[in-house]
Amino acid sequence: KQGEETLLIDNSGTDPVFKFAALTEGTYLLTETKAPDGYKLPTKNWTIQVVRNEETGLLEIQIPDDSFLTGNLDEGYNVENEEQSEFPQTGGIGSLSYIAIGLIILMGSLGRYIRKSEN
């Protein structure tokens, strides 16, 4: 619910885990605000509904769009994070040889121009 903190997060392992605690009936919006290093931050939010089962009287969690989940309610759900794209390395020491060759050609051309101008 808006403005309420109902989440327990455990970042101690390699796979962060969160658990909902003391949820009451209502609709909740799940938003990931910080992605793990090397992963993209999701562009969408997820809706989670807590409803009372009329037959049992127990609260149940319903997730209308569960296409982002794997797993089940008893063992836990997994949300797959998408890895960030790696950009090609640019610059670096490999470009120095091209710069050196370009400077040598430039200096040779300049020297030839000066000698030709003097004659």
Protein backbone atom coordinates (compact mmCIF):
# COMPACT_ATOMS: atom_id res chain seq x y z
CA LYS A 1 0.00 0.00 0.00
CA GLN A 2 1.19 3.48 -0.67
CA GLY A 3 3.54 4.80 1.97
CA GLU A 4 3.75 1.54 3.93
CA GLU A 5 6.90 -0.52 4.37
CA THR A 6 5.94 -4.20 4.42
CA LEU A 7 9.11 -5.75 3.13
CA LEU A 8 12.07 -7.56 4.65
CA ILE A 9 15.18 -7.64 2.46
CA ASP A 10 18.19 -9.93 2.98
CA ASN A 11 21.21 -8.90 0.90
CA SER A 12 23.70 -11.03 2.83
CA GLY A 13 24.03 -13.73 0.15
CA THR A 14 24.73 -13.63 -3.54
CA ASP A 15 21.00 -13.71 -4.30
CA PRO A 16 19.06 -11.02 -2.44
CA VAL A 17 15.83 -12.29 -0.89
CA PHE A 18 12.81 -10.32 0.16
CA LYS A 19 9.80 -11.45 2.13
CA PHE A 20 6.47 -9.75 2.63
CA ALA A 21 5.56 -9.37 6.30
CA ALA A 22 2.21 -8.58 7.93
CA LEU A 23 0.34 -7.80 4.75
CA THR A 24 -3.30 -6.84 5.06
CA GLU A 25 -5.95 -7.02 2.36
CA GLY A 26 -5.25 -4.65 -0.48
CA THR A 27 -3.29 -4.01 -3.65
CA TYR A 28 0.46 -3.49 -3.44
CA LEU A 29 2.90 -2.16 -6.01
CA LEU A 30 6.31 -3.85 -6.10
CA THR A 31 9.07 -1.62 -7.46
CA GLU A 32 12.74 -2.55 -7.80
CA THR A 33 14.72 0.61 -7.01
CA LYS A 34 18.26 -0.78 -7.15
CA ALA A 35 19.46 -3.56 -9.43
CA PRO A 36 22.37 -5.82 -8.49
CA ASP A 37 25.74 -4.86 -9.96
CA GLY A 38 25.92 -5.84 -13.62
CA TYR A 39 22.14 -6.02 -14.07
CA LYS A 40 19.57 -3.67 -15.60
CA LEU A 41 16.94 -1.98 -13.47
CA PRO A 42 13.49 -3.23 -14.57
CA THR A 43 11.35 -0.67 -16.37
CA LYS A 44 8.06 -1.93 -14.94
CA ASN A 45 6.37 -2.26 -11.57
CA TRP A 46 4.44 -5.34 -10.44
CA THR A 47 1.03 -5.45 -8.81
CA ILE A 48 0.43 -7.87 -5.93
CA GLN A 49 -3.04 -8.33 -4.47
CA VAL A 50 -3.84 -9.73 -1.04
CA VAL A 51 -7.42 -11.01 -0.93
CA ARG A 52 -9.43 -13.00 1.58
CA ASN A 53 -10.58 -16.43 0.44
CA GLU A 54 -14.31 -16.48 1.16
CA GLU A 55 -14.36 -20.25 1.78
CA THR A 56 -11.40 -20.52 4.16
CA GLY A 57 -11.25 -16.97 5.50
CA LEU A 58 -7.48 -16.97 4.90
CA LEU A 59 -5.57 -14.25 3.09
CA GLU A 60 -4.13 -15.24 -0.27
CA ILE A 61 -1.64 -13.54 -2.55
CA GLN A 62 -2.64 -13.04 -6.17
CA ILE A 63 -0.29 -11.74 -8.83
CA PRO A 64 -2.31 -10.74 -11.92
CA ASP A 65 0.70 -10.58 -14.29
CA ASP A 66 3.04 -13.34 -13.15
CA SER A 67 4.86 -13.66 -16.47
CA PHE A 68 8.01 -12.28 -14.82
CA LEU A 69 8.08 -15.01 -12.16
CA THR A 70 9.35 -18.56 -11.93
CA GLY A 71 8.66 -20.85 -8.99
CA ASN A 72 5.58 -21.13 -6.80
CA LEU A 73 4.04 -19.64 -3.68
CA ASP A 74 5.11 -22.47 -1.35
CA GLU A 75 8.79 -22.58 -2.33
CA GLY A 76 9.11 -18.94 -3.35
CA TYR A 77 9.13 -17.03 -6.57
CA ASN A 78 12.16 -15.94 -8.55
CA VAL A 79 12.34 -12.74 -10.57
CA GLU A 80 14.86 -13.00 -13.37
CA ASN A 81 17.13 -9.98 -13.73
CA GLU A 82 18.47 -9.04 -17.15
CA GLU A 83 22.22 -8.55 -17.42
CA GLN A 84 23.53 -5.22 -18.66
CA SER A 85 24.99 -5.16 -22.14
CA GLU A 86 28.74 -4.86 -22.29
CA PHE A 87 30.06 -2.04 -24.40
CA PRO A 88 33.11 -2.66 -26.57
CA GLN A 89 36.31 -1.26 -25.20
CA THR A 90 37.42 1.81 -27.13
CA GLY A 91 40.65 3.72 -27.06
CA GLY A 92 43.34 2.05 -25.05
CA ILE A 93 46.86 1.18 -26.09
CA GLY A 94 45.79 -0.42 -29.39
CA SER A 95 44.96 2.96 -30.90
CA LEU A 96 48.43 4.36 -30.14
CA SER A 97 49.97 2.57 -33.13
CA TYR A 98 47.48 4.23 -35.49
CA ILE A 99 48.18 7.63 -33.94
CA ALA A 100 51.95 7.09 -34.25
CA ILE A 101 51.68 6.05 -37.91
CA GLY A 102 49.49 9.08 -38.64
CA LEU A 103 51.99 11.42 -36.96
CA ILE A 104 54.91 9.90 -38.90
CA ILE A 105 53.07 10.40 -42.20
CA LEU A 106 52.11 13.95 -41.19
CA MET A 107 55.69 14.85 -40.18
CA GLY A 108 57.09 13.32 -43.39
CA SER A 109 54.63 15.28 -45.51
CA LEU A 110 55.38 18.50 -43.61
CA GLY A 111 59.15 18.00 -44.05
CA ARG A 112 58.72 17.36 -47.76
CA TYR A 113 56.54 20.47 -48.11
CA ILE A 114 59.13 22.64 -46.32
CA ARG A 115 62.00 21.33 -48.51
CA LYS A 116 59.95 21.88 -51.65
CA SER A 117 59.11 25.45 -50.53
CA GLU A 118 62.79 26.29 -49.99
CA ASN A 119 63.74 25.33 -53.58
